[in-house]
Amino acid sequence: VDEGVAYIGNAHASIRAVSMRSGRIVWRHDTSHGEMASSPAVDGDSLVYHSMDGHVFVLDRANGRERWSYDGGSPIESSPVVHDGVDYFGAWDGRVFALDLSTHHLRWTRDLGAKITSSAAILGGTLYIGDYAGRLWALSTRTGATLWTASVNGRIYGTPAVAGGRIFVPSSTGN
């Protein structure tokens, strides 16, 4: 929700902008042959979302028209996390992307070697993301370099949370 408008996506990659005041649909954007398993993100006057066919879409927030798209080449279940104009996300092929939304080009990409469905969490210059090999990665937001990695006893499906100097990681083991 931003400036009184809620942006909602569904499994069919249909995005709706809904007025919080009146409840009316301001606009609707349908992705042809689309599937979506993540939430959209607001970035200034743009709305960013990912699709299961591997695309990043950037829409005009005022009218829902597509401005541009990027093909990541693998299903993207990770929700966009936009920080300083860069969309950070993971894909099923094990890669993490840093996509510059102003230039439409990759700043960097890293192959972590295992499926990623987790969204990223960012604190300072560190990006935290989990993979299906049960690893939590701490990467530099600037270069994608590994700062450290740690393991849990099961795949990491959900998004890490950073609070109080700690990182909380959901594991498929239920812990």
C-alpha atoms as a PDB file:
ATOM      1  CA  VAL A   1       0.000   0.000   0.000  1.00  0.00           C
ATOM      2  CA  ASP A   2       1.343   3.400  -0.962  1.00  0.00           C
ATOM      3  CA  GLU A   3      -0.355   6.814  -1.132  1.00  0.00           C
ATOM      4  CA  GLY A   4      -3.796   5.320  -0.484  1.00  0.00           C
ATOM      5  CA  VAL A   5      -3.567   2.626  -3.165  1.00  0.00           C
ATOM      6  CA  ALA A   6      -3.111  -1.109  -2.548  1.00  0.00           C
ATOM      7  CA  TYR A   7      -1.286  -3.099  -5.233  1.00  0.00           C
ATOM      8  CA  ILE A   8      -2.385  -6.734  -5.245  1.00  0.00           C
ATOM      9  CA  GLY A   9      -1.273  -9.619  -7.434  1.00  0.00           C
ATOM     10  CA  ASN A  10      -2.706 -13.110  -7.741  1.00  0.00           C
ATOM     11  CA  ALA A  11      -1.543 -16.534  -8.928  1.00  0.00           C
ATOM     12  CA  HIS A  12      -2.570 -15.702 -12.514  1.00  0.00           C
ATOM     13  CA  ALA A  13      -0.285 -12.622 -12.516  1.00  0.00           C
ATOM     14  CA  SER A  14      -3.184 -10.222 -12.625  1.00  0.00           C
ATOM     15  CA  ILE A  15      -2.211  -7.036 -10.796  1.00  0.00           C
ATOM     16  CA  ARG A  16      -4.832  -4.660  -9.439  1.00  0.00           C
ATOM     17  CA  ALA A  17      -4.481  -1.175  -8.003  1.00  0.00           C
ATOM     18  CA  VAL A  18      -7.266  -0.663  -5.459  1.00  0.00           C
ATOM     19  CA  SER A  19      -8.229   2.654  -3.858  1.00  0.00           C
ATOM     20  CA  MET A  20      -8.088   2.268  -0.075  1.00  0.00           C
ATOM     21  CA  ARG A  21     -10.616   5.099   0.296  1.00  0.00           C
ATOM     22  CA  SER A  22     -13.372   3.859  -2.038  1.00  0.00           C
ATOM     23  CA  GLY A  23     -12.448   0.216  -2.613  1.00  0.00           C
ATOM     24  CA  ARG A  24     -12.753   0.700  -6.371  1.00  0.00           C
ATOM     25  CA  ILE A  25     -10.258  -0.793  -8.803  1.00  0.00           C
ATOM     26  CA  VAL A  26      -8.104   2.032 -10.208  1.00  0.00           C
ATOM     27  CA  TRP A  27      -6.544  -0.181 -12.880  1.00  0.00           C
ATOM     28  CA  ARG A  28      -5.878  -3.814 -13.723  1.00  0.00           C
ATOM     29  CA  HIS A  29      -2.889  -5.312 -15.527  1.00  0.00           C
ATOM     30  CA  ASP A  30      -3.068  -8.904 -16.819  1.00  0.00           C
ATOM     31  CA  THR A  31       0.098 -10.776 -17.729  1.00  0.00           C
ATOM     32  CA  SER A  32      -0.579 -13.006 -20.713  1.00  0.00           C
ATOM     33  CA  HIS A  33       0.099 -16.667 -19.880  1.00  0.00           C
ATOM     34  CA  GLY A  34       1.269 -15.411 -16.503  1.00  0.00           C
ATOM     35  CA  GLU A  35       1.665 -17.086 -13.167  1.00  0.00           C
ATOM     36  CA  MET A  36       2.890 -15.316 -10.083  1.00  0.00           C
ATOM     37  CA  ALA A  37       3.948 -16.509  -6.629  1.00  0.00           C
ATOM     38  CA  SER A  38       5.255 -13.260  -5.141  1.00  0.00           C
ATOM     39  CA  SER A  39       4.143  -9.803  -4.088  1.00  0.00           C
ATOM     40  CA  PRO A  40       4.710  -6.597  -6.081  1.00  0.00           C
ATOM     41  CA  ALA A  41       6.893  -3.738  -4.834  1.00  0.00           C
ATOM     42  CA  VAL A  42       6.522   0.024  -5.154  1.00  0.00           C
ATOM     43  CA  ASP A  43       9.507   1.979  -6.466  1.00  0.00           C
ATOM     44  CA  GLY A  44       8.719   5.676  -6.900  1.00  0.00           C
ATOM     45  CA  ASP A  45       6.212   5.988  -9.727  1.00  0.00           C
ATOM     46  CA  SER A  46       6.739   2.354 -10.767  1.00  0.00           C
ATOM     47  CA  LEU A  47       5.410  -1.006  -9.628  1.00  0.00           C
ATOM     48  CA  VAL A  48       7.751  -4.005  -9.917  1.00  0.00           C
ATOM     49  CA  TYR A  49       6.659  -7.642  -9.988  1.00  0.00           C
ATOM     50  CA  HIS A  50       8.095 -11.052 -10.897  1.00  0.00           C
ATOM     51  CA  SER A  51       6.489 -13.919 -12.778  1.00  0.00           C
ATOM     52  CA  MET A  52       6.931 -17.655 -12.784  1.00  0.00           C
ATOM     53  CA  ASP A  53       8.008 -17.533 -16.451  1.00  0.00           C
ATOM     54  CA  GLY A  54      11.164 -15.729 -15.303  1.00  0.00           C
ATOM     55  CA  HIS A  55      10.260 -12.137 -16.088  1.00  0.00           C
ATOM     56  CA  VAL A  56      10.567  -8.932 -14.118  1.00  0.00           C
ATOM     57  CA  PHE A  57       7.883  -6.423 -15.088  1.00  0.00           C
ATOM     58  CA  VAL A  58       7.916  -2.709 -14.353  1.00  0.00           C
ATOM     59  CA  LEU A  59       4.556  -0.920 -14.597  1.00  0.00           C
ATOM     60  CA  ASP A  60       3.517   2.711 -14.466  1.00  0.00           C
ATOM     61  CA  ARG A  61       1.817   3.091 -11.058  1.00  0.00           C
ATOM     62  CA  ALA A  62      -0.608   5.695 -12.382  1.00  0.00           C
ATOM     63  CA  ASN A  63      -2.213   3.529 -15.077  1.00  0.00           C
ATOM     64  CA  GLY A  64      -0.797  -0.022 -14.901  1.00  0.00           C
ATOM     65  CA  ARG A  65       0.824   0.098 -18.336  1.00  0.00           C
ATOM     66  CA  GLU A  66       3.977  -1.930 -18.818  1.00  0.00           C
ATOM     67  CA  ARG A  67       7.072   0.268 -19.038  1.00  0.00           C
ATOM     68  CA  TRP A  68       9.612  -2.478 -19.624  1.00  0.00           C
ATOM     69  CA  SER A  69      10.479  -6.062 -18.715  1.00  0.00           C
ATOM     70  CA  TYR A  70      13.540  -8.216 -18.140  1.00  0.00           C
ATOM     71  CA  ASP A  71      13.865 -11.958 -18.825  1.00  0.00           C
ATOM     72  CA  GLY A  72      15.735 -13.714 -16.017  1.00  0.00           C
ATOM     73  CA  GLY A  73      15.483 -17.082 -17.756  1.00  0.00           C
ATOM     74  CA  SER A  74      14.134 -19.109 -14.814  1.00  0.00           C
ATOM     75  CA  PRO A  75      10.964 -19.036 -12.684  1.00  0.00           C
ATOM     76  CA  ILE A  76      11.033 -16.259 -10.079  1.00  0.00           C
ATOM     77  CA  GLU A  77       9.109 -16.944  -6.877  1.00  0.00           C
ATOM     78  CA  SER A  78      11.115 -14.416  -4.891  1.00  0.00           C
ATOM     79  CA  SER A  79       9.318 -11.099  -4.283  1.00  0.00           C
ATOM     80  CA  PRO A  80      11.103  -7.953  -5.439  1.00  0.00           C
ATOM     81  CA  VAL A  81      13.088  -6.163  -2.766  1.00  0.00           C
ATOM     82  CA  VAL A  82      13.969  -2.724  -4.116  1.00  0.00           C
ATOM     83  CA  HIS A  83      16.796  -0.893  -2.382  1.00  0.00           C
ATOM     84  CA  ASP A  84      18.403   2.279  -3.792  1.00  0.00           C
ATOM     85  CA  GLY A  85      16.811   1.669  -7.198  1.00  0.00           C
ATOM     86  CA  VAL A  86      17.983  -1.948  -7.489  1.00  0.00           C
ATOM     87  CA  ASP A  87      15.661  -4.987  -7.509  1.00  0.00           C
ATOM     88  CA  TYR A  88      17.266  -7.893  -5.619  1.00  0.00           C
ATOM     89  CA  PHE A  89      15.760 -11.353  -6.129  1.00  0.00           C
ATOM     90  CA  GLY A  90      16.501 -15.064  -6.488  1.00  0.00           C
ATOM     91  CA  ALA A  91      15.330 -17.593  -9.091  1.00  0.00           C
ATOM     92  CA  TRP A  92      14.706 -21.318  -9.302  1.00  0.00           C
ATOM     93  CA  ASP A  93      17.973 -21.863 -11.212  1.00  0.00           C
ATOM     94  CA  GLY A  94      19.905 -20.790  -8.081  1.00  0.00           C
ATOM     95  CA  ARG A  95      20.913 -17.332  -9.240  1.00  0.00           C
ATOM     96  CA  VAL A  96      20.586 -14.085  -7.283  1.00  0.00           C
ATOM     97  CA  PHE A  97      20.114 -10.932  -9.346  1.00  0.00           C
ATOM     98  CA  ALA A  98      20.744  -7.232  -8.745  1.00  0.00           C
ATOM     99  CA  LEU A  99      18.738  -5.496 -11.496  1.00  0.00           C
ATOM    100  CA  ASP A 100      19.192  -1.732 -11.800  1.00  0.00           C
ATOM    101  CA  LEU A 101      15.696  -0.338 -12.412  1.00  0.00           C
ATOM    102  CA  SER A 102      16.909   2.948 -13.897  1.00  0.00           C
ATOM    103  CA  THR A 103      19.344   1.485 -16.468  1.00  0.00           C
ATOM    104  CA  HIS A 104      17.403  -1.788 -17.032  1.00  0.00           C
ATOM    105  CA  HIS A 105      20.693  -3.712 -16.764  1.00  0.00           C
ATOM    106  CA  LEU A 106      22.114  -6.189 -14.277  1.00  0.00           C
ATOM    107  CA  ARG A 107      24.564  -4.803 -11.770  1.00  0.00           C
ATOM    108  CA  TRP A 108      25.558  -8.347 -10.885  1.00  0.00           C
ATOM    109  CA  THR A 109      24.308 -11.930 -10.685  1.00  0.00           C
ATOM    110  CA  ARG A 110      25.528 -14.850  -8.550  1.00  0.00           C
ATOM    111  CA  ASP A 111      24.927 -18.572  -8.937  1.00  0.00           C
ATOM    112  CA  LEU A 112      24.442 -20.020  -5.454  1.00  0.00           C
ATOM    113  CA  GLY A 113      23.991 -23.570  -6.723  1.00  0.00           C
ATOM    114  CA  ALA A 114      20.522 -24.387  -5.349  1.00  0.00           C
ATOM    115  CA  LYS A 115      16.916 -23.376  -6.034  1.00  0.00           C
ATOM    116  CA  ILE A 116      15.857 -20.054  -4.503  1.00  0.00           C
ATOM    117  CA  THR A 117      12.267 -19.244  -3.554  1.00  0.00           C
ATOM    118  CA  SER A 118      13.198 -16.992  -0.654  1.00  0.00           C
ATOM    119  CA  SER A 119      12.916 -13.250  -0.992  1.00  0.00           C
ATOM    120  CA  ALA A 120      15.857 -11.148   0.136  1.00  0.00           C
ATOM    121  CA  ALA A 121      16.219  -9.095   3.289  1.00  0.00           C
ATOM    122  CA  ILE A 122      18.602  -6.133   3.278  1.00  0.00           C
ATOM    123  CA  LEU A 123      20.270  -4.331   6.137  1.00  0.00           C
ATOM    124  CA  GLY A 124      22.925  -1.748   5.372  1.00  0.00           C
ATOM    125  CA  GLY A 125      25.035  -3.080   2.523  1.00  0.00           C
ATOM    126  CA  THR A 126      24.239  -6.735   3.204  1.00  0.00           C
ATOM    127  CA  LEU A 127      21.673  -8.877   1.402  1.00  0.00           C
ATOM    128  CA  TYR A 128      20.417 -12.017   3.175  1.00  0.00           C
ATOM    129  CA  ILE A 129      18.781 -14.817   1.165  1.00  0.00           C
ATOM    130  CA  GLY A 130      18.195 -18.534   1.666  1.00  0.00           C
ATOM    131  CA  ASP A 131      18.320 -21.492  -0.723  1.00  0.00           C
ATOM    132  CA  TYR A 132      16.977 -25.045  -0.997  1.00  0.00           C
ATOM    133  CA  ALA A 133      20.335 -26.460   0.122  1.00  0.00           C
ATOM    134  CA  GLY A 134      19.562 -25.000   3.561  1.00  0.00           C
ATOM    135  CA  ARG A 135      22.103 -22.213   3.336  1.00  0.00           C
ATOM    136  CA  LEU A 136      21.646 -18.620   4.414  1.00  0.00           C
ATOM    137  CA  TRP A 137      23.834 -16.320   2.345  1.00  0.00           C
ATOM    138  CA  ALA A 138      25.072 -12.862   3.317  1.00  0.00           C
ATOM    139  CA  LEU A 139      26.080 -11.058   0.123  1.00  0.00           C
ATOM    140  CA  SER A 140      27.381  -7.582  -0.602  1.00  0.00           C
ATOM    141  CA  THR A 141      24.610  -5.494  -2.180  1.00  0.00           C
ATOM    142  CA  ARG A 142      27.270  -3.628  -4.164  1.00  0.00           C
ATOM    143  CA  THR A 143      29.120  -6.591  -5.744  1.00  0.00           C
ATOM    144  CA  GLY A 144      27.293  -9.813  -4.845  1.00  0.00           C
ATOM    145  CA  ALA A 145      30.423 -11.118  -3.105  1.00  0.00           C
ATOM    146  CA  THR A 146      29.882 -13.637  -0.317  1.00  0.00           C
ATOM    147  CA  LEU A 147      30.375 -12.080   3.116  1.00  0.00           C
ATOM    148  CA  TRP A 148      29.488 -15.317   4.921  1.00  0.00           C
ATOM    149  CA  THR A 149      27.190 -18.323   4.754  1.00  0.00           C
ATOM    150  CA  ALA A 150      25.533 -20.524   7.385  1.00  0.00           C
ATOM    151  CA  SER A 151      23.450 -23.711   7.259  1.00  0.00           C
ATOM    152  CA  VAL A 152      20.143 -24.764   8.755  1.00  0.00           C
ATOM    153  CA  ASN A 153      18.638 -28.255   8.936  1.00  0.00           C
ATOM    154  CA  GLY A 154      16.330 -27.961   5.932  1.00  0.00           C
ATOM    155  CA  ARG A 155      15.650 -25.909   2.844  1.00  0.00           C
ATOM    156  CA  ILE A 156      14.918 -22.212   3.278  1.00  0.00           C
ATOM    157  CA  TYR A 157      11.638 -21.457   1.538  1.00  0.00           C
ATOM    158  CA  GLY A 158      10.653 -18.165   3.176  1.00  0.00           C
ATOM    159  CA  THR A 159      12.247 -14.795   3.665  1.00  0.00           C
ATOM    160  CA  PRO A 160      14.834 -14.132   6.386  1.00  0.00           C
ATOM    161  CA  ALA A 161      13.967 -11.391   8.885  1.00  0.00           C
ATOM    162  CA  VAL A 162      16.612  -9.120  10.360  1.00  0.00           C
ATOM    163  CA  ALA A 163      15.909  -7.563  13.762  1.00  0.00           C
ATOM    164  CA  GLY A 164      17.790  -6.713  16.946  1.00  0.00           C
ATOM    165  CA  GLY A 165      21.153  -7.796  15.555  1.00  0.00           C
ATOM    166  CA  ARG A 166      19.828 -11.255  14.653  1.00  0.00           C
ATOM    167  CA  ILE A 167      18.688 -13.004  11.499  1.00  0.00           C
ATOM    168  CA  PHE A 168      15.634 -15.229  11.762  1.00  0.00           C
ATOM    169  CA  VAL A 169      15.412 -17.905   9.066  1.00  0.00           C
ATOM    170  CA  PRO A 170      12.391 -20.154   8.419  1.00  0.00           C
ATOM    171  CA  SER A 171      13.400 -23.750   7.680  1.00  0.00           C
ATOM    172  CA  SER A 172      11.350 -26.505   6.032  1.00  0.00           C
ATOM    173  CA  THR A 173      11.908 -28.583   9.173  1.00  0.00           C
ATOM    174  CA  GLY A 174       9.499 -26.282  11.020  1.00  0.00           C
ATOM    175  CA  ASN A 175      12.258 -24.680  13.076  1.00  0.00           C
END
